[in-house]
Each structure stands twice: as C-alpha cells, then as structure tokens.
Amino acid sequence: MSDPSVVEEIAALRSRGYSADFSVTSDGQLRCDTCGHTLQPSGAVIESTARFEGASNPDDQAVVFGLRHDGCDVRGVLVAAYGPTASAEEAAVVTALSSPLLGDR
C-alpha cells in the first residue's frame, strides 16, 4: 500500500469535518475563508499534520494541516509548501505552526 497523497489527505480531513480552507496571507498570517478574518498562526489549533515530498523531486515538499479556528468555531485545511519551494510567508506560517509540535512554545 502506498503512502497517501496530498489530495487523499485533504479528502480524509474533509470526511472528518474539516470543511473550511485556510490560506497564507502576504504578511505571513492565516486567513479563514469561512469568517474572512486573518489571524496569527498561534491563533490556530493544530489537530492534524501530514508532510509530503514529490515522488520525482524531493524538493517538492508540502504540508497539510488540519486546523481549528476557535474565533469562528470552524475546522479547516491549510496546504502550504515547505522547504526550498516555500515563499517567505509560507515558511513563516509553517514554522510558527510547527513550533508547538517541536516543543518551542
């Protein structure tokens, strides 16, 4: 059995109730598409994390987060690049979100 793909991970999160989408803003924050608010990455609760590398190019790296935003009481998905292909804003958000997982906060 092969590892799940990004698309399969998103589908699994959707089936578990992660109906919203989050995006990274140009100033390194998160935007909730449900309520339209922007929030610091520290304002989101990470409930799931999955990292992926491209099959043909290990530099193609992505991370899929299952997040909860208590401000509007939604659960949603954030897909971002990480590694060499990430924008500065994506790298800042991924680093901020990953800090609690690493015990940095």
N, C-alpha and C. Protein backbone atom coordinates (compact mmCIF):
# COMPACT_ATOMS: atom_id res chain seq x y z
N MET A 1 0.84 -1.17 0.00
CA MET A 1 0.00 0.00 0.00
C MET A 1 0.89 1.24 0.00
N SER A 2 0.58 2.20 -0.87
CA SER A 2 1.41 3.39 -0.99
C SER A 2 0.98 4.44 0.04
N ASP A 3 1.89 5.38 0.27
CA ASP A 3 1.59 6.48 1.17
C ASP A 3 0.47 7.33 0.57
N PRO A 4 -0.34 7.98 1.41
CA PRO A 4 -1.41 8.82 0.89
C PRO A 4 -0.83 10.05 0.18
N SER A 5 -1.58 10.58 -0.76
CA SER A 5 -1.19 11.79 -1.47
C SER A 5 -1.79 13.01 -0.76
N VAL A 6 -1.38 14.18 -1.19
CA VAL A 6 -1.94 15.41 -0.64
C VAL A 6 -3.45 15.43 -0.84
N VAL A 7 -3.90 15.06 -2.03
CA VAL A 7 -5.34 15.05 -2.34
C VAL A 7 -6.07 14.08 -1.42
N GLU A 8 -5.49 12.91 -1.21
CA GLU A 8 -6.13 11.92 -0.34
C GLU A 8 -6.17 12.41 1.11
N GLU A 9 -5.12 13.10 1.55
CA GLU A 9 -5.10 13.64 2.92
C GLU A 9 -6.18 14.70 3.09
N ILE A 10 -6.33 15.57 2.09
CA ILE A 10 -7.37 16.60 2.15
C ILE A 10 -8.75 15.93 2.19
N ALA A 11 -8.97 14.92 1.36
CA ALA A 11 -10.25 14.21 1.35
C ALA A 11 -10.53 13.57 2.70
N ALA A 12 -9.50 13.00 3.32
CA ALA A 12 -9.68 12.38 4.65
C ALA A 12 -10.06 13.43 5.68
N LEU A 13 -9.41 14.59 5.63
CA LEU A 13 -9.75 15.66 6.57
C LEU A 13 -11.18 16.15 6.33
N ARG A 14 -11.56 16.32 5.07
CA ARG A 14 -12.93 16.76 4.75
C ARG A 14 -13.95 15.77 5.34
N SER A 15 -13.66 14.48 5.21
CA SER A 15 -14.59 13.46 5.72
C SER A 15 -14.69 13.50 7.24
N ARG A 16 -13.68 14.10 7.89
CA ARG A 16 -13.68 14.21 9.35
C ARG A 16 -14.18 15.59 9.81
N GLY A 17 -14.74 16.37 8.89
CA GLY A 17 -15.37 17.63 9.28
C GLY A 17 -14.55 18.89 9.10
N TYR A 18 -13.41 18.80 8.44
CA TYR A 18 -12.59 19.99 8.17
C TYR A 18 -13.12 20.64 6.89
N SER A 19 -14.16 21.44 7.02
CA SER A 19 -14.87 21.96 5.85
C SER A 19 -14.34 23.29 5.35
N ALA A 20 -13.65 24.04 6.17
CA ALA A 20 -13.14 25.35 5.77
C ALA A 20 -11.76 25.22 5.13
N ASP A 21 -11.33 26.31 4.52
CA ASP A 21 -9.97 26.39 3.99
C ASP A 21 -9.28 27.57 4.63
N PHE A 22 -8.00 27.39 4.91
CA PHE A 22 -7.15 28.47 5.39
C PHE A 22 -6.12 28.75 4.31
N SER A 23 -5.70 30.00 4.22
CA SER A 23 -4.65 30.37 3.28
C SER A 23 -3.64 31.26 3.99
N VAL A 24 -2.47 31.36 3.39
CA VAL A 24 -1.40 32.20 3.93
C VAL A 24 -1.51 33.57 3.27
N THR A 25 -1.52 34.62 4.07
CA THR A 25 -1.62 35.98 3.54
C THR A 25 -0.23 36.51 3.17
N SER A 26 -0.21 37.63 2.48
CA SER A 26 1.06 38.22 2.04
C SER A 26 1.90 38.74 3.20
N ASP A 27 1.28 38.88 4.38
CA ASP A 27 2.05 39.33 5.55
C ASP A 27 2.29 38.20 6.56
N GLY A 28 2.18 36.95 6.10
CA GLY A 28 2.53 35.80 6.94
C GLY A 28 1.53 35.45 8.01
N GLN A 29 0.26 35.72 7.77
CA GLN A 29 -0.80 35.32 8.69
C GLN A 29 -1.68 34.27 8.01
N LEU A 30 -2.65 33.79 8.74
CA LEU A 30 -3.63 32.86 8.18
C LEU A 30 -4.92 33.59 7.90
N ARG A 31 -5.60 33.21 6.83
CA ARG A 31 -6.91 33.76 6.54
C ARG A 31 -7.90 32.60 6.56
N CYS A 32 -8.98 32.76 7.32
CA CYS A 32 -10.05 31.77 7.39
C CYS A 32 -11.08 32.12 6.33
N ASP A 33 -11.36 31.21 5.39
CA ASP A 33 -12.30 31.54 4.33
C ASP A 33 -13.75 31.55 4.82
N THR A 34 -14.02 30.96 5.97
CA THR A 34 -15.38 30.92 6.49
C THR A 34 -15.80 32.27 7.07
N CYS A 35 -14.96 32.83 7.93
CA CYS A 35 -15.32 34.10 8.57
C CYS A 35 -14.61 35.29 7.93
N GLY A 36 -13.57 35.03 7.11
CA GLY A 36 -12.85 36.09 6.45
C GLY A 36 -11.81 36.79 7.29
N HIS A 37 -11.69 36.41 8.54
CA HIS A 37 -10.70 37.05 9.42
C HIS A 37 -9.30 36.53 9.15
N THR A 38 -8.33 37.38 9.43
CA THR A 38 -6.94 36.93 9.43
C THR A 38 -6.53 36.75 10.88
N LEU A 39 -5.65 35.81 11.10
CA LEU A 39 -5.19 35.54 12.45
C LEU A 39 -3.73 35.13 12.42
N GLN A 40 -3.07 35.35 13.52
CA GLN A 40 -1.70 34.88 13.67
C GLN A 40 -1.73 33.35 13.69
N PRO A 41 -0.70 32.71 13.16
CA PRO A 41 -0.68 31.24 13.21
C PRO A 41 -0.88 30.70 14.62
N SER A 42 -0.43 31.44 15.62
CA SER A 42 -0.61 30.99 17.00
C SER A 42 -2.08 30.97 17.42
N GLY A 43 -2.96 31.61 16.63
CA GLY A 43 -4.39 31.62 16.93
C GLY A 43 -5.12 30.40 16.39
N ALA A 44 -4.41 29.53 15.70
CA ALA A 44 -5.00 28.30 15.18
C ALA A 44 -4.52 27.12 16.01
N VAL A 45 -5.39 26.16 16.17
CA VAL A 45 -5.05 24.94 16.91
C VAL A 45 -4.79 23.83 15.89
N ILE A 46 -3.62 23.23 15.96
CA ILE A 46 -3.26 22.15 15.05
C ILE A 46 -3.86 20.85 15.58
N GLU A 47 -4.67 20.22 14.74
CA GLU A 47 -5.24 18.93 15.11
C GLU A 47 -4.69 17.78 14.28
N SER A 48 -4.06 18.12 13.14
CA SER A 48 -3.51 17.10 12.26
C SER A 48 -2.41 17.71 11.41
N THR A 49 -1.36 16.94 11.16
CA THR A 49 -0.26 17.39 10.31
C THR A 49 0.21 16.22 9.45
N ALA A 50 0.38 16.47 8.17
CA ALA A 50 0.93 15.45 7.26
C ALA A 50 1.89 16.15 6.30
N ARG A 51 3.09 15.60 6.17
CA ARG A 51 4.09 16.17 5.27
C ARG A 51 4.30 15.25 4.08
N PHE A 52 4.59 15.88 2.94
CA PHE A 52 4.73 15.14 1.69
C PHE A 52 5.94 15.62 0.91
N GLU A 53 6.58 14.69 0.19
CA GLU A 53 7.65 15.01 -0.75
C GLU A 53 7.23 14.51 -2.11
N GLY A 54 7.63 15.26 -3.14
CA GLY A 54 7.30 14.85 -4.50
C GLY A 54 7.97 13.53 -4.85
N ALA A 55 7.29 12.69 -5.60
CA ALA A 55 7.83 11.38 -5.97
C ALA A 55 9.05 11.51 -6.87
N SER A 56 9.03 12.48 -7.77
CA SER A 56 10.15 12.61 -8.70
C SER A 56 11.16 13.66 -8.26
N ASN A 57 10.76 14.53 -7.33
CA ASN A 57 11.66 15.58 -6.87
C ASN A 57 11.46 15.80 -5.38
N PRO A 58 12.40 15.37 -4.56
CA PRO A 58 12.23 15.52 -3.11
C PRO A 58 12.19 16.98 -2.65
N ASP A 59 12.59 17.92 -3.55
CA ASP A 59 12.48 19.33 -3.19
C ASP A 59 11.03 19.83 -3.24
N ASP A 60 10.14 19.07 -3.91
CA ASP A 60 8.72 19.41 -3.92
C ASP A 60 8.12 18.92 -2.61
N GLN A 61 8.03 19.83 -1.65
CA GLN A 61 7.56 19.46 -0.33
C GLN A 61 6.31 20.25 0.01
N ALA A 62 5.34 19.59 0.61
CA ALA A 62 4.11 20.24 1.04
C ALA A 62 3.73 19.71 2.41
N VAL A 63 2.98 20.52 3.11
CA VAL A 63 2.45 20.12 4.41
C VAL A 63 0.96 20.41 4.41
N VAL A 64 0.19 19.49 4.95
CA VAL A 64 -1.26 19.65 5.07
C VAL A 64 -1.59 19.67 6.56
N PHE A 65 -2.16 20.79 7.00
CA PHE A 65 -2.57 20.93 8.39
C PHE A 65 -4.09 20.83 8.49
N GLY A 66 -4.57 20.11 9.47
CA GLY A 66 -5.96 20.18 9.89
C GLY A 66 -5.99 21.14 11.07
N LEU A 67 -6.64 22.29 10.88
CA LEU A 67 -6.62 23.35 11.88
C LEU A 67 -8.01 23.63 12.44
N ARG A 68 -8.03 24.12 13.65
CA ARG A 68 -9.27 24.62 14.25
C ARG A 68 -9.07 26.09 14.56
N HIS A 69 -10.05 26.90 14.18
CA HIS A 69 -10.03 28.33 14.50
C HIS A 69 -11.18 28.57 15.47
N ASP A 70 -10.83 28.79 16.72
CA ASP A 70 -11.86 28.97 17.75
C ASP A 70 -12.63 30.27 17.59
N GLY A 71 -12.05 31.25 16.87
CA GLY A 71 -12.71 32.54 16.68
C GLY A 71 -14.05 32.40 15.98
N CYS A 72 -14.14 31.53 15.00
CA CYS A 72 -15.42 31.31 14.31
C CYS A 72 -15.86 29.85 14.43
N ASP A 73 -15.19 29.11 15.30
CA ASP A 73 -15.55 27.73 15.62
C ASP A 73 -15.63 26.85 14.38
N VAL A 74 -14.58 26.90 13.53
CA VAL A 74 -14.53 26.04 12.36
C VAL A 74 -13.26 25.20 12.39
N ARG A 75 -13.33 24.11 11.64
CA ARG A 75 -12.17 23.29 11.40
C ARG A 75 -11.90 23.34 9.90
N GLY A 76 -10.63 23.48 9.53
CA GLY A 76 -10.32 23.61 8.12
C GLY A 76 -8.94 23.10 7.77
N VAL A 77 -8.61 23.24 6.51
CA VAL A 77 -7.39 22.70 5.93
C VAL A 77 -6.49 23.83 5.45
N LEU A 78 -5.21 23.70 5.74
CA LEU A 78 -4.20 24.58 5.17
C LEU A 78 -3.19 23.70 4.45
N VAL A 79 -2.96 23.99 3.17
CA VAL A 79 -1.92 23.32 2.40
C VAL A 79 -0.87 24.37 2.09
N ALA A 80 0.37 24.08 2.42
CA ALA A 80 1.45 25.03 2.18
C ALA A 80 2.70 24.29 1.73
N ALA A 81 3.50 24.99 0.96
CA ALA A 81 4.81 24.45 0.60
C ALA A 81 5.74 24.62 1.79
N TYR A 82 6.74 23.78 1.87
CA TYR A 82 7.80 23.99 2.85
C TYR A 82 9.09 23.54 2.20
N GLY A 83 10.19 23.92 2.79
CA GLY A 83 11.48 23.62 2.17
C GLY A 83 11.83 24.68 1.14
N PRO A 84 12.64 24.33 0.15
CA PRO A 84 13.17 25.33 -0.78
C PRO A 84 12.11 26.00 -1.66
N THR A 85 10.95 25.38 -1.85
CA THR A 85 9.94 25.97 -2.73
C THR A 85 8.96 26.88 -1.99
N ALA A 86 9.05 26.96 -0.69
CA ALA A 86 8.12 27.77 0.10
C ALA A 86 8.44 29.26 -0.04
N SER A 87 7.39 30.06 -0.09
CA SER A 87 7.58 31.51 -0.05
C SER A 87 7.98 31.88 1.38
N ALA A 88 8.48 33.09 1.55
CA ALA A 88 8.86 33.55 2.90
C ALA A 88 7.66 33.53 3.83
N GLU A 89 6.50 33.89 3.31
CA GLU A 89 5.28 33.92 4.13
C GLU A 89 4.86 32.50 4.53
N GLU A 90 4.90 31.57 3.58
CA GLU A 90 4.56 30.17 3.91
C GLU A 90 5.54 29.61 4.93
N ALA A 91 6.82 29.89 4.73
CA ALA A 91 7.84 29.39 5.67
C ALA A 91 7.59 29.92 7.07
N ALA A 92 7.23 31.20 7.18
CA ALA A 92 6.96 31.80 8.50
C ALA A 92 5.76 31.13 9.17
N VAL A 93 4.70 30.89 8.40
CA VAL A 93 3.49 30.27 8.96
C VAL A 93 3.77 28.82 9.35
N VAL A 94 4.43 28.06 8.48
CA VAL A 94 4.73 26.66 8.79
C VAL A 94 5.62 26.57 10.02
N THR A 95 6.60 27.45 10.11
CA THR A 95 7.49 27.47 11.28
C THR A 95 6.70 27.78 12.54
N ALA A 96 5.84 28.79 12.47
CA ALA A 96 5.04 29.18 13.64
C ALA A 96 4.08 28.06 14.05
N LEU A 97 3.46 27.41 13.07
CA LEU A 97 2.54 26.32 13.38
C LEU A 97 3.28 25.10 13.91
N SER A 98 4.48 24.86 13.41
CA SER A 98 5.24 23.67 13.81
C SER A 98 5.90 23.83 15.17
N SER A 99 6.09 25.05 15.63
CA SER A 99 6.77 25.29 16.92
C SER A 99 6.16 24.51 18.06
N PRO A 100 4.82 24.51 18.24
CA PRO A 100 4.27 23.73 19.36
C PRO A 100 4.54 22.24 19.21
N LEU A 101 4.60 21.77 17.96
CA LEU A 101 4.87 20.35 17.75
C LEU A 101 6.29 20.00 18.16
N LEU A 102 7.17 20.98 18.07
CA LEU A 102 8.57 20.77 18.42
C LEU A 102 8.87 21.13 19.86
N GLY A 103 7.86 21.62 20.58
CA GLY A 103 8.05 21.99 21.97
C GLY A 103 8.70 23.34 22.16
N ASP A 104 8.64 24.21 21.14
CA ASP A 104 9.28 25.51 21.21
C ASP A 104 8.44 26.57 21.91
N ARG A 105 7.16 26.29 22.16
CA ARG A 105 6.31 27.29 22.81
C ARG A 105 5.93 26.83 24.18
